[in-house]
Amino acid sequence: MNDSTYSIIRAGLRALKAEHSEREVAKLGVLRAGSTGIVLSDGAVAGKCARQTYLRLEGIDADELDESREFMFAAGRSNEDIWVELLVRGGIPRDHIKREDEVPISWTTKSGRLVSGRPDIVLGRPNDAGVWTPYKGLELKLVSSLWSARDVALKGEPKSMHLMQAAHYFWKLGVPAFELWYTSRADFAIPFGKFWPNPGEKGSEYLVYKNGKALKLVPFKVGYELRWSTDGVDRLEFKRVVETGGMPYRWQGTIITKKGIEDYFELVDAIANDLSDELPPRPENLTATGELGNYSICDYCPLSQVCDKREDAGKAAWVKAVKEWVPMLPTKGSLK
């Protein structure tokens, strides 16, 4: 075999992507919990763009071509493998741990459409009758961005879309406990600026300093415990699993509710069932606590130009424009 290592790796990435695409075909017509959003009381949508969730439901791949991002996805999968090994080495029997396909969640919309998902890890133990019974779910995220690392570790702000996905699993698994964990396995070099805590301030334990200046953010694991409010609204609340560096160890409320999640999938289902020719609203960039973000999600979407030009023409015209636009998207990333 005379192929270069580069070409072999590239072929492997394409094979993984093709395998993923084959699995997606079997899920046509099914709404996925991995694309969770919420509908707020005023009708606004936050979290995953409902338009993209609808496209995924219909089997329309609207992602930009970037084979190199498979490196990041593969790292996320290996992160789950390492977590399982750590849990086992830490004393959890291997047969008490179930992953993804072993513990799927599912429910149906009012029209009968299936909504399904696969939590990363669920811990359980045999009950008195010897039946494996879950007691805690874990959703795992690999941190691949300096700014995400700053938010989840230093600022104590888990990503709203991650909390929505975790809340969805927490709700439908019916387990008494659920946690969202972030893992960073990289040293992130830090640019100078006022974004970083000074030595001794909260969050500084994650940083390396020289002459009082932050140089890098070191690898970490940061977890958030979840619960539902007791005010009758079923509103998600979260707090840091462990208090570190003076970080406040208190429950914080969110805009995420069980009804908001349910309404989101009913909204997408109604569009798919042709009950409306109107597109769902563009997503709001909101933090989990409801604060407005400092950028528009649409600015980073490959379909933004299509929405700008065709969203007022109705669903059918918009979908037609998307299908025409997607093949023209340029290939991006490090692999050419």
C-alpha atoms as a PDB file:
ATOM      1  CA  MET A   1       0.000   0.000   0.000  1.00  0.00           C
ATOM      2  CA  ASN A   2       1.687   3.163  -1.210  1.00  0.00           C
ATOM      3  CA  ASP A   3      -0.886   5.743  -0.139  1.00  0.00           C
ATOM      4  CA  SER A   4       0.402   8.561   2.026  1.00  0.00           C
ATOM      5  CA  THR A   5      -0.585   8.731   5.678  1.00  0.00           C
ATOM      6  CA  TYR A   6      -2.425  11.971   4.908  1.00  0.00           C
ATOM      7  CA  SER A   7      -4.592  10.368   2.235  1.00  0.00           C
ATOM      8  CA  ILE A   8      -5.316   7.357   4.457  1.00  0.00           C
ATOM      9  CA  ILE A   9      -6.460   9.576   7.321  1.00  0.00           C
ATOM     10  CA  ARG A  10      -8.593  11.645   4.976  1.00  0.00           C
ATOM     11  CA  ALA A  11     -10.193   8.480   3.597  1.00  0.00           C
ATOM     12  CA  GLY A  12     -10.875   7.364   7.157  1.00  0.00           C
ATOM     13  CA  LEU A  13     -12.580  10.649   7.999  1.00  0.00           C
ATOM     14  CA  ARG A  14     -14.757  10.332   4.905  1.00  0.00           C
ATOM     15  CA  ALA A  15     -15.656   6.772   5.867  1.00  0.00           C
ATOM     16  CA  LEU A  16     -16.723   7.929   9.337  1.00  0.00           C
ATOM     17  CA  LYS A  17     -18.826  10.706   7.812  1.00  0.00           C
ATOM     18  CA  ALA A  18     -20.435   8.245   5.360  1.00  0.00           C
ATOM     19  CA  GLU A  19     -21.226   5.887   8.239  1.00  0.00           C
ATOM     20  CA  HIS A  20     -22.828   8.757  10.132  1.00  0.00           C
ATOM     21  CA  SER A  21     -24.866   9.702   7.054  1.00  0.00           C
ATOM     22  CA  GLU A  22     -26.146   6.134   6.731  1.00  0.00           C
ATOM     23  CA  ARG A  23     -27.323   6.176  10.332  1.00  0.00           C
ATOM     24  CA  GLU A  24     -29.066   9.492   9.702  1.00  0.00           C
ATOM     25  CA  VAL A  25     -31.117   7.961   6.882  1.00  0.00           C
ATOM     26  CA  ALA A  26     -32.692   5.552   9.361  1.00  0.00           C
ATOM     27  CA  LYS A  27     -33.767   8.523  11.492  1.00  0.00           C
ATOM     28  CA  LEU A  28     -35.672  10.416   8.794  1.00  0.00           C
ATOM     29  CA  GLY A  29     -38.946  11.706  10.167  1.00  0.00           C
ATOM     30  CA  VAL A  30     -37.724  11.454  13.756  1.00  0.00           C
ATOM     31  CA  LEU A  31     -37.049  14.491  15.916  1.00  0.00           C
ATOM     32  CA  ARG A  32     -33.758  14.274  17.814  1.00  0.00           C
ATOM     33  CA  ALA A  33     -33.131  15.378  21.389  1.00  0.00           C
ATOM     34  CA  GLY A  34     -29.612  16.346  20.332  1.00  0.00           C
ATOM     35  CA  SER A  35     -31.252  19.316  18.584  1.00  0.00           C
ATOM     36  CA  THR A  36     -33.131  20.690  21.575  1.00  0.00           C
ATOM     37  CA  GLY A  37     -34.435  24.207  21.875  1.00  0.00           C
ATOM     38  CA  ILE A  38     -37.180  25.956  23.800  1.00  0.00           C
ATOM     39  CA  VAL A  39     -40.136  28.171  23.021  1.00  0.00           C
ATOM     40  CA  LEU A  40     -40.581  31.023  25.483  1.00  0.00           C
ATOM     41  CA  SER A  41     -43.897  32.407  26.687  1.00  0.00           C
ATOM     42  CA  ASP A  42     -43.744  35.233  24.107  1.00  0.00           C
ATOM     43  CA  GLY A  43     -43.227  32.766  21.232  1.00  0.00           C
ATOM     44  CA  ALA A  44     -39.497  33.425  20.845  1.00  0.00           C
ATOM     45  CA  VAL A  45     -37.220  30.449  20.204  1.00  0.00           C
ATOM     46  CA  ALA A  46     -33.912  29.905  21.978  1.00  0.00           C
ATOM     47  CA  GLY A  47     -31.360  27.139  21.642  1.00  0.00           C
ATOM     48  CA  LYS A  48     -31.054  25.128  18.450  1.00  0.00           C
ATOM     49  CA  CYS A  49     -32.486  26.892  15.402  1.00  0.00           C
ATOM     50  CA  ALA A  50     -35.915  25.332  14.779  1.00  0.00           C
ATOM     51  CA  ARG A  51     -35.435  25.793  11.038  1.00  0.00           C
ATOM     52  CA  GLN A  52     -32.306  23.658  11.062  1.00  0.00           C
ATOM     53  CA  THR A  53     -34.051  21.074  13.237  1.00  0.00           C
ATOM     54  CA  TYR A  54     -36.811  20.899  10.630  1.00  0.00           C
ATOM     55  CA  LEU A  55     -34.255  20.438   7.820  1.00  0.00           C
ATOM     56  CA  ARG A  56     -32.578  17.624   9.752  1.00  0.00           C
ATOM     57  CA  LEU A  57     -35.961  15.984  10.247  1.00  0.00           C
ATOM     58  CA  GLU A  58     -36.469  16.023   6.473  1.00  0.00           C
ATOM     59  CA  GLY A  59     -32.992  14.652   5.762  1.00  0.00           C
ATOM     60  CA  ILE A  60     -31.581  17.893   4.344  1.00  0.00           C
ATOM     61  CA  ASP A  61     -27.927  18.302   5.332  1.00  0.00           C
ATOM     62  CA  ALA A  62     -27.357  22.042   5.642  1.00  0.00           C
ATOM     63  CA  ASP A  63     -23.946  21.880   7.315  1.00  0.00           C
ATOM     64  CA  GLU A  64     -20.908  23.393   5.673  1.00  0.00           C
ATOM     65  CA  LEU A  65     -18.427  20.916   4.229  1.00  0.00           C
ATOM     66  CA  ASP A  66     -15.527  20.664   6.666  1.00  0.00           C
ATOM     67  CA  GLU A  67     -14.045  17.193   6.933  1.00  0.00           C
ATOM     68  CA  SER A  68     -11.466  18.365   9.449  1.00  0.00           C
ATOM     69  CA  ARG A  69     -14.188  18.937  12.067  1.00  0.00           C
ATOM     70  CA  GLU A  70     -14.452  15.149  12.301  1.00  0.00           C
ATOM     71  CA  PHE A  71     -11.239  15.382  14.355  1.00  0.00           C
ATOM     72  CA  MET A  72     -13.223  17.306  16.982  1.00  0.00           C
ATOM     73  CA  PHE A  73     -16.178  14.912  16.883  1.00  0.00           C
ATOM     74  CA  ALA A  74     -13.817  11.937  17.257  1.00  0.00           C
ATOM     75  CA  ALA A  75     -12.213  13.634  20.262  1.00  0.00           C
ATOM     76  CA  GLY A  76     -15.665  13.981  21.818  1.00  0.00           C
ATOM     77  CA  ARG A  77     -16.314  10.270  21.403  1.00  0.00           C
ATOM     78  CA  SER A  78     -12.961   9.351  22.918  1.00  0.00           C
ATOM     79  CA  ASN A  79     -13.702  11.698  25.813  1.00  0.00           C
ATOM     80  CA  GLU A  80     -16.720   9.518  26.648  1.00  0.00           C
ATOM     81  CA  ASP A  81     -14.520   6.391  26.569  1.00  0.00           C
ATOM     82  CA  ILE A  82     -12.081   7.978  29.011  1.00  0.00           C
ATOM     83  CA  TRP A  83     -14.913   9.008  31.318  1.00  0.00           C
ATOM     84  CA  VAL A  84     -16.202   5.448  31.468  1.00  0.00           C
ATOM     85  CA  GLU A  85     -12.719   4.170  32.294  1.00  0.00           C
ATOM     86  CA  LEU A  86     -12.343   6.760  35.071  1.00  0.00           C
ATOM     87  CA  LEU A  87     -15.733   5.826  36.545  1.00  0.00           C
ATOM     88  CA  VAL A  88     -14.783   2.144  36.556  1.00  0.00           C
ATOM     89  CA  ARG A  89     -11.357   2.827  38.073  1.00  0.00           C
ATOM     90  CA  GLY A  90     -13.080   5.034  40.645  1.00  0.00           C
ATOM     91  CA  GLY A  91     -15.251   2.179  41.861  1.00  0.00           C
ATOM     92  CA  ILE A  92     -18.390   2.089  39.686  1.00  0.00           C
ATOM     93  CA  PRO A  93     -18.924  -1.500  38.446  1.00  0.00           C
ATOM     94  CA  ARG A  94     -18.790  -1.581  34.662  1.00  0.00           C
ATOM     95  CA  ASP A  95     -22.180  -3.288  34.441  1.00  0.00           C
ATOM     96  CA  HIS A  96     -23.691  -0.334  36.363  1.00  0.00           C
ATOM     97  CA  ILE A  97     -22.787   1.990  33.453  1.00  0.00           C
ATOM     98  CA  LYS A  98     -24.892   2.262  30.299  1.00  0.00           C
ATOM     99  CA  ARG A  99     -24.144   4.407  27.258  1.00  0.00           C
ATOM    100  CA  GLU A 100     -26.168   6.010  24.464  1.00  0.00           C
ATOM    101  CA  ASP A 101     -27.958   3.235  22.535  1.00  0.00           C
ATOM    102  CA  GLU A 102     -28.338   1.198  25.738  1.00  0.00           C
ATOM    103  CA  VAL A 103     -30.532   3.857  27.392  1.00  0.00           C
ATOM    104  CA  PRO A 104     -32.367   5.876  24.713  1.00  0.00           C
ATOM    105  CA  ILE A 105     -35.136   8.277  25.600  1.00  0.00           C
ATOM    106  CA  SER A 106     -38.273   8.596  23.497  1.00  0.00           C
ATOM    107  CA  TRP A 107     -41.657  10.255  23.498  1.00  0.00           C
ATOM    108  CA  THR A 108     -44.191  11.367  20.898  1.00  0.00           C
ATOM    109  CA  THR A 109     -45.637  14.708  19.899  1.00  0.00           C
ATOM    110  CA  LYS A 110     -49.397  15.280  19.794  1.00  0.00           C
ATOM    111  CA  SER A 111     -49.454  14.101  16.173  1.00  0.00           C
ATOM    112  CA  GLY A 112     -47.621  10.884  17.105  1.00  0.00           C
ATOM    113  CA  ARG A 113     -44.184  11.821  15.759  1.00  0.00           C
ATOM    114  CA  LEU A 114     -41.288  10.183  17.604  1.00  0.00           C
ATOM    115  CA  VAL A 115     -38.769  12.279  19.526  1.00  0.00           C
ATOM    116  CA  SER A 116     -35.681  10.318  20.534  1.00  0.00           C
ATOM    117  CA  GLY A 117     -32.248  10.851  21.999  1.00  0.00           C
ATOM    118  CA  ARG A 118     -29.268   9.153  23.591  1.00  0.00           C
ATOM    119  CA  PRO A 119     -27.754  10.466  26.832  1.00  0.00           C
ATOM    120  CA  ASP A 120     -24.003   9.931  27.035  1.00  0.00           C
ATOM    121  CA  ILE A 121     -23.820   7.963  30.289  1.00  0.00           C
ATOM    122  CA  VAL A 122     -26.431   6.680  32.736  1.00  0.00           C
ATOM    123  CA  LEU A 123     -25.462   5.143  36.064  1.00  0.00           C
ATOM    124  CA  GLY A 124     -27.681   2.523  37.667  1.00  0.00           C
ATOM    125  CA  ARG A 125     -27.710  -0.403  40.028  1.00  0.00           C
ATOM    126  CA  PRO A 126     -29.882  -3.513  40.529  1.00  0.00           C
ATOM    127  CA  ASN A 127     -32.974  -2.954  42.660  1.00  0.00           C
ATOM    128  CA  ASP A 128     -34.347  -5.485  45.137  1.00  0.00           C
ATOM    129  CA  ALA A 129     -35.758  -7.508  42.244  1.00  0.00           C
ATOM    130  CA  GLY A 130     -32.395  -7.529  40.476  1.00  0.00           C
ATOM    131  CA  VAL A 131     -33.540  -5.086  37.754  1.00  0.00           C
ATOM    132  CA  TRP A 132     -31.017  -2.445  36.646  1.00  0.00           C
ATOM    133  CA  THR A 133     -32.442   0.889  37.799  1.00  0.00           C
ATOM    134  CA  PRO A 134     -30.939   4.249  36.747  1.00  0.00           C
ATOM    135  CA  TYR A 135     -30.116   6.832  39.405  1.00  0.00           C
ATOM    136  CA  LYS A 136     -27.968   9.434  37.649  1.00  0.00           C
ATOM    137  CA  GLY A 137     -27.425  10.685  34.108  1.00  0.00           C
ATOM    138  CA  LEU A 138     -24.277  12.381  32.798  1.00  0.00           C
ATOM    139  CA  GLU A 139     -24.066  14.557  29.703  1.00  0.00           C
ATOM    140  CA  LEU A 140     -20.467  15.125  28.617  1.00  0.00           C
ATOM    141  CA  LYS A 141     -19.061  17.993  26.555  1.00  0.00           C
ATOM    142  CA  LEU A 142     -15.498  18.353  25.314  1.00  0.00           C
ATOM    143  CA  VAL A 143     -14.300  21.947  25.421  1.00  0.00           C
ATOM    144  CA  SER A 144     -12.569  22.896  22.164  1.00  0.00           C
ATOM    145  CA  SER A 145     -12.620  26.691  22.427  1.00  0.00           C
ATOM    146  CA  LEU A 146     -10.790  29.102  24.709  1.00  0.00           C
ATOM    147  CA  TRP A 147     -13.894  31.272  25.085  1.00  0.00           C
ATOM    148  CA  SER A 148     -16.096  28.293  25.941  1.00  0.00           C
ATOM    149  CA  ALA A 149     -13.476  27.257  28.491  1.00  0.00           C
ATOM    150  CA  ARG A 150     -13.590  30.724  30.024  1.00  0.00           C
ATOM    151  CA  ASP A 151     -17.393  30.655  30.274  1.00  0.00           C
ATOM    152  CA  VAL A 152     -17.860  27.192  31.774  1.00  0.00           C
ATOM    153  CA  ALA A 153     -14.833  27.129  34.090  1.00  0.00           C
ATOM    154  CA  LEU A 154     -14.001  30.702  35.069  1.00  0.00           C
ATOM    155  CA  LYS A 155     -17.390  32.421  34.810  1.00  0.00           C
ATOM    156  CA  GLY A 156     -19.529  29.484  35.921  1.00  0.00           C
ATOM    157  CA  GLU A 157     -21.825  29.756  32.895  1.00  0.00           C
ATOM    158  CA  PRO A 158     -22.727  26.471  31.178  1.00  0.00           C
ATOM    159  CA  LYS A 159     -23.865  26.852  27.563  1.00  0.00           C
ATOM    160  CA  SER A 160     -27.625  27.271  27.258  1.00  0.00           C
ATOM    161  CA  MET A 161     -27.971  24.733  24.416  1.00  0.00           C
ATOM    162  CA  HIS A 162     -26.033  22.165  26.450  1.00  0.00           C
ATOM    163  CA  LEU A 163     -28.328  22.733  29.426  1.00  0.00           C
ATOM    164  CA  MET A 164     -31.385  22.364  27.180  1.00  0.00           C
ATOM    165  CA  GLN A 165     -30.151  19.045  25.829  1.00  0.00           C
ATOM    166  CA  ALA A 166     -29.246  17.805  29.305  1.00  0.00           C
ATOM    167  CA  ALA A 167     -32.621  18.979  30.651  1.00  0.00           C
ATOM    168  CA  HIS A 168     -34.389  17.040  27.909  1.00  0.00           C
ATOM    169  CA  TYR A 169     -32.583  13.814  28.862  1.00  0.00           C
ATOM    170  CA  PHE A 170     -33.051  14.487  32.583  1.00  0.00           C
ATOM    171  CA  TRP A 171     -36.788  14.952  32.094  1.00  0.00           C
ATOM    172  CA  LYS A 172     -37.447  11.941  29.898  1.00  0.00           C
ATOM    173  CA  LEU A 173     -35.109   9.532  31.708  1.00  0.00           C
ATOM    174  CA  GLY A 174     -36.956  10.264  34.931  1.00  0.00           C
ATOM    175  CA  VAL A 175     -33.792   9.834  36.986  1.00  0.00           C
ATOM    176  CA  PRO A 176     -33.438  11.513  40.386  1.00  0.00           C
ATOM    177  CA  ALA A 177     -30.127  13.176  39.478  1.00  0.00           C
ATOM    178  CA  PHE A 178     -28.443  14.541  36.353  1.00  0.00           C
ATOM    179  CA  GLU A 179     -25.160  16.362  35.746  1.00  0.00           C
ATOM    180  CA  LEU A 180     -23.595  18.246  32.836  1.00  0.00           C
ATOM    181  CA  TRP A 181     -19.799  17.924  32.701  1.00  0.00           C
ATOM    182  CA  TYR A 182     -17.235  19.863  30.687  1.00  0.00           C
ATOM    183  CA  THR A 183     -13.758  18.482  30.036  1.00  0.00           C
ATOM    184  CA  SER A 184     -10.864  20.405  28.552  1.00  0.00           C
ATOM    185  CA  ARG A 185      -7.801  18.379  27.579  1.00  0.00           C
ATOM    186  CA  ALA A 186      -5.717  21.247  26.189  1.00  0.00           C
ATOM    187  CA  ASP A 187      -3.527  24.111  27.334  1.00  0.00           C
ATOM    188  CA  PHE A 188      -5.125  27.266  25.901  1.00  0.00           C
ATOM    189  CA  ALA A 189      -2.756  30.187  25.387  1.00  0.00           C
ATOM    190  CA  ILE A 190      -4.361  33.387  26.664  1.00  0.00           C
ATOM    191  CA  PRO A 191      -4.291  36.728  24.835  1.00  0.00           C
ATOM    192  CA  PHE A 192      -3.676  39.807  26.929  1.00  0.00           C
ATOM    193  CA  GLY A 193      -6.780  41.676  27.969  1.00  0.00           C
ATOM    194  CA  LYS A 194      -9.228  42.279  30.804  1.00  0.00           C
ATOM    195  CA  PHE A 195     -11.042  38.996  30.319  1.00  0.00           C
ATOM    196  CA  TRP A 196      -9.070  37.024  32.913  1.00  0.00           C
ATOM    197  CA  PRO A 197      -9.053  36.962  36.729  1.00  0.00           C
ATOM    198  CA  ASN A 198      -6.038  38.201  38.648  1.00  0.00           C
ATOM    199  CA  PRO A 199      -4.065  35.764  40.808  1.00  0.00           C
ATOM    200  CA  GLY A 200      -6.126  34.782  43.854  1.00  0.00           C
ATOM    201  CA  GLU A 201      -9.480  35.747  42.338  1.00  0.00           C
ATOM    202  CA  LYS A 202     -12.175  33.168  41.598  1.00  0.00           C
ATOM    203  CA  GLY A 203     -11.294  31.148  38.530  1.00  0.00           C
ATOM    204  CA  SER A 204      -7.591  31.839  38.873  1.00  0.00           C
ATOM    205  CA  GLU A 205      -6.935  28.210  39.859  1.00  0.00           C
ATOM    206  CA  TYR A 206      -7.424  27.292  36.208  1.00  0.00           C
ATOM    207  CA  LEU A 207      -4.725  29.701  35.004  1.00  0.00           C
ATOM    208  CA  VAL A 208      -0.937  29.846  34.913  1.00  0.00           C
ATOM    209  CA  TYR A 209       0.565  33.285  35.554  1.00  0.00           C
ATOM    210  CA  LYS A 210       3.875  34.991  35.006  1.00  0.00           C
ATOM    211  CA  ASN A 211       4.552  38.325  36.663  1.00  0.00           C
ATOM    212  CA  GLY A 212       0.851  38.609  37.419  1.00  0.00           C
ATOM    213  CA  LYS A 213      -0.213  38.091  33.792  1.00  0.00           C
ATOM    214  CA  ALA A 214      -2.313  35.097  32.792  1.00  0.00           C
ATOM    215  CA  LEU A 215      -0.409  32.942  30.287  1.00  0.00           C
ATOM    216  CA  LYS A 216      -2.557  29.871  29.758  1.00  0.00           C
ATOM    217  CA  LEU A 217      -5.681  28.045  30.854  1.00  0.00           C
ATOM    218  CA  VAL A 218      -4.889  24.505  31.972  1.00  0.00           C
ATOM    219  CA  PRO A 219      -6.937  21.313  31.375  1.00  0.00           C
ATOM    220  CA  PHE A 220      -9.931  20.863  33.664  1.00  0.00           C
ATOM    221  CA  LYS A 221     -13.153  19.034  34.485  1.00  0.00           C
ATOM    222  CA  VAL A 222     -16.089  21.173  35.584  1.00  0.00           C
ATOM    223  CA  GLY A 223     -19.521  19.799  36.427  1.00  0.00           C
ATOM    224  CA  TYR A 224     -22.985  21.244  36.943  1.00  0.00           C
ATOM    225  CA  GLU A 225     -25.729  19.546  38.909  1.00  0.00           C
ATOM    226  CA  LEU A 226     -29.302  19.932  37.643  1.00  0.00           C
ATOM    227  CA  ARG A 227     -32.687  19.934  39.331  1.00  0.00           C
ATOM    228  CA  TRP A 228     -36.262  21.020  38.617  1.00  0.00           C
ATOM    229  CA  SER A 229     -37.761  23.926  40.534  1.00  0.00           C
ATOM    230  CA  THR A 230     -40.429  23.213  43.101  1.00  0.00           C
ATOM    231  CA  ASP A 231     -42.626  26.205  42.165  1.00  0.00           C
ATOM    232  CA  GLY A 232     -44.894  24.147  39.913  1.00  0.00           C
ATOM    233  CA  VAL A 233     -43.327  25.445  36.690  1.00  0.00           C
ATOM    234  CA  ASP A 234     -40.785  22.627  36.230  1.00  0.00           C
ATOM    235  CA  ARG A 235     -38.048  25.138  35.528  1.00  0.00           C
ATOM    236  CA  LEU A 236     -34.458  23.891  35.296  1.00  0.00           C
ATOM    237  CA  GLU A 237     -31.950  25.040  37.906  1.00  0.00           C
ATOM    238  CA  PHE A 238     -28.212  24.374  38.052  1.00  0.00           C
ATOM    239  CA  LYS A 239     -25.210  24.787  40.309  1.00  0.00           C
ATOM    240  CA  ARG A 240     -21.554  23.845  40.271  1.00  0.00           C
ATOM    241  CA  VAL A 241     -20.954  20.309  41.466  1.00  0.00           C
ATOM    242  CA  VAL A 242     -17.941  21.354  43.562  1.00  0.00           C
ATOM    243  CA  GLU A 243     -17.203  24.765  45.027  1.00  0.00           C
ATOM    244  CA  THR A 244     -13.764  25.888  43.902  1.00  0.00           C
ATOM    245  CA  GLY A 245     -11.811  29.109  44.021  1.00  0.00           C
ATOM    246  CA  GLY A 246     -14.578  31.078  45.697  1.00  0.00           C
ATOM    247  CA  MET A 247     -17.067  30.274  42.922  1.00  0.00           C
ATOM    248  CA  PRO A 248     -20.595  30.705  44.339  1.00  0.00           C
ATOM    249  CA  TYR A 249     -22.102  27.355  45.194  1.00  0.00           C
ATOM    250  CA  ARG A 250     -25.783  28.106  44.813  1.00  0.00           C
ATOM    251  CA  TRP A 251     -28.667  27.078  42.631  1.00  0.00           C
ATOM    252  CA  GLN A 252     -29.382  29.350  39.681  1.00  0.00           C
ATOM    253  CA  GLY A 253     -32.670  29.536  37.810  1.00  0.00           C
ATOM    254  CA  THR A 254     -32.945  29.320  34.023  1.00  0.00           C
ATOM    255  CA  ILE A 255     -35.416  30.046  31.238  1.00  0.00           C
ATOM    256  CA  ILE A 256     -35.531  26.302  30.439  1.00  0.00           C
ATOM    257  CA  THR A 257     -38.797  24.541  31.257  1.00  0.00           C
ATOM    258  CA  LYS A 258     -40.295  21.176  30.373  1.00  0.00           C
ATOM    259  CA  LYS A 259     -43.131  23.000  28.599  1.00  0.00           C
ATOM    260  CA  GLY A 260     -40.639  25.103  26.630  1.00  0.00           C
ATOM    261  CA  ILE A 261     -38.875  21.966  25.381  1.00  0.00           C
ATOM    262  CA  GLU A 262     -42.156  20.271  24.523  1.00  0.00           C
ATOM    263  CA  ASP A 263     -43.456  23.365  22.703  1.00  0.00           C
ATOM    264  CA  TYR A 264     -40.254  23.515  20.651  1.00  0.00           C
ATOM    265  CA  PHE A 265     -40.717  20.035  19.237  1.00  0.00           C
ATOM    266  CA  GLU A 266     -44.442  20.601  18.707  1.00  0.00           C
ATOM    267  CA  LEU A 267     -43.517  23.726  16.715  1.00  0.00           C
ATOM    268  CA  VAL A 268     -41.148  21.825  14.421  1.00  0.00           C
ATOM    269  CA  ASP A 269     -43.634  18.972  14.113  1.00  0.00           C
ATOM    270  CA  ALA A 270     -46.377  21.380  13.017  1.00  0.00           C
ATOM    271  CA  ILE A 271     -44.118  22.730  10.257  1.00  0.00           C
ATOM    272  CA  ALA A 272     -43.288  19.196   9.110  1.00  0.00           C
ATOM    273  CA  ASN A 273     -46.980  18.268   9.061  1.00  0.00           C
ATOM    274  CA  ASP A 274     -47.723  21.228   6.766  1.00  0.00           C
ATOM    275  CA  LEU A 275     -49.966  22.791   9.376  1.00  0.00           C
ATOM    276  CA  SER A 276     -48.274  26.085   8.603  1.00  0.00           C
ATOM    277  CA  ASP A 277     -46.322  27.499   5.672  1.00  0.00           C
ATOM    278  CA  GLU A 278     -44.632  30.010   7.951  1.00  0.00           C
ATOM    279  CA  LEU A 279     -41.124  29.341   9.124  1.00  0.00           C
ATOM    280  CA  PRO A 280     -40.420  29.261  12.853  1.00  0.00           C
ATOM    281  CA  PRO A 281     -38.772  32.435  14.176  1.00  0.00           C
ATOM    282  CA  ARG A 282     -35.015  32.880  14.105  1.00  0.00           C
ATOM    283  CA  PRO A 283     -33.359  31.755  17.353  1.00  0.00           C
ATOM    284  CA  GLU A 284     -32.561  34.258  20.069  1.00  0.00           C
ATOM    285  CA  ASN A 285     -29.029  34.109  21.458  1.00  0.00           C
ATOM    286  CA  LEU A 286     -29.894  33.868  25.137  1.00  0.00           C
ATOM    287  CA  THR A 287     -27.900  32.619  28.085  1.00  0.00           C
ATOM    288  CA  ALA A 288     -29.448  29.980  30.304  1.00  0.00           C
ATOM    289  CA  THR A 289     -30.544  32.714  32.703  1.00  0.00           C
ATOM    290  CA  GLY A 290     -32.184  34.732  29.918  1.00  0.00           C
ATOM    291  CA  GLU A 291     -29.589  37.410  29.217  1.00  0.00           C
ATOM    292  CA  LEU A 292     -29.138  38.479  25.600  1.00  0.00           C
ATOM    293  CA  GLY A 293     -25.832  37.388  24.030  1.00  0.00           C
ATOM    294  CA  ASN A 294     -23.505  39.813  22.293  1.00  0.00           C
ATOM    295  CA  TYR A 295     -23.787  38.267  18.827  1.00  0.00           C
ATOM    296  CA  SER A 296     -26.407  36.843  16.493  1.00  0.00           C
ATOM    297  CA  ILE A 297     -26.486  33.069  16.006  1.00  0.00           C
ATOM    298  CA  CYS A 298     -27.513  33.684  12.405  1.00  0.00           C
ATOM    299  CA  ASP A 299     -24.190  35.415  11.696  1.00  0.00           C
ATOM    300  CA  TYR A 300     -22.485  32.011  11.990  1.00  0.00           C
ATOM    301  CA  CYS A 301     -25.057  30.032  10.008  1.00  0.00           C
ATOM    302  CA  PRO A 302     -24.354  28.993   6.399  1.00  0.00           C
ATOM    303  CA  LEU A 303     -28.050  29.520   5.615  1.00  0.00           C
ATOM    304  CA  SER A 304     -28.239  33.142   6.766  1.00  0.00           C
ATOM    305  CA  GLN A 305     -28.250  34.488   3.197  1.00  0.00           C
ATOM    306  CA  VAL A 306     -31.109  32.168   2.274  1.00  0.00           C
ATOM    307  CA  CYS A 307     -33.138  33.315   5.279  1.00  0.00           C
ATOM    308  CA  ASP A 308     -32.411  36.968   4.507  1.00  0.00           C
ATOM    309  CA  LYS A 309     -33.775  36.600   0.977  1.00  0.00           C
ATOM    310  CA  ARG A 310     -36.455  33.914   1.168  1.00  0.00           C
ATOM    311  CA  GLU A 311     -37.847  33.557   4.684  1.00  0.00           C
ATOM    312  CA  ASP A 312     -40.841  35.797   3.917  1.00  0.00           C
ATOM    313  CA  ALA A 313     -41.762  33.696   0.872  1.00  0.00           C
ATOM    314  CA  GLY A 314     -42.960  30.764   2.978  1.00  0.00           C
ATOM    315  CA  LYS A 315     -41.652  27.333   3.881  1.00  0.00           C
ATOM    316  CA  ALA A 316     -41.804  25.717   0.445  1.00  0.00           C
ATOM    317  CA  ALA A 317     -39.902  28.539  -1.263  1.00  0.00           C
ATOM    318  CA  TRP A 318     -37.355  28.641   1.542  1.00  0.00           C
ATOM    319  CA  VAL A 319     -36.695  24.880   1.423  1.00  0.00           C
ATOM    320  CA  LYS A 320     -36.276  25.055  -2.355  1.00  0.00           C
ATOM    321  CA  ALA A 321     -33.742  27.881  -1.942  1.00  0.00           C
ATOM    322  CA  VAL A 322     -31.868  25.897   0.752  1.00  0.00           C
ATOM    323  CA  LYS A 323     -31.551  22.873  -1.541  1.00  0.00           C
ATOM    324  CA  GLU A 324     -30.157  25.090  -4.280  1.00  0.00           C
ATOM    325  CA  TRP A 325     -27.783  26.904  -1.919  1.00  0.00           C
ATOM    326  CA  VAL A 326     -26.223  24.009   0.004  1.00  0.00           C
ATOM    327  CA  PRO A 327     -24.333  22.466  -2.996  1.00  0.00           C
ATOM    328  CA  MET A 328     -22.660  25.828  -3.584  1.00  0.00           C
ATOM    329  CA  LEU A 329     -21.198  26.088  -0.086  1.00  0.00           C
ATOM    330  CA  PRO A 330     -17.384  26.006  -0.211  1.00  0.00           C
ATOM    331  CA  THR A 331     -15.352  23.304   1.498  1.00  0.00           C
ATOM    332  CA  LYS A 332     -13.729  24.664   4.658  1.00  0.00           C
ATOM    333  CA  GLY A 333     -11.238  23.417   7.201  1.00  0.00           C
ATOM    334  CA  SER A 334      -7.700  22.043   7.140  1.00  0.00           C
ATOM    335  CA  LEU A 335      -8.319  19.085   4.813  1.00  0.00           C
ATOM    336  CA  LYS A 336      -8.486  19.876   1.102  1.00  0.00           C
END
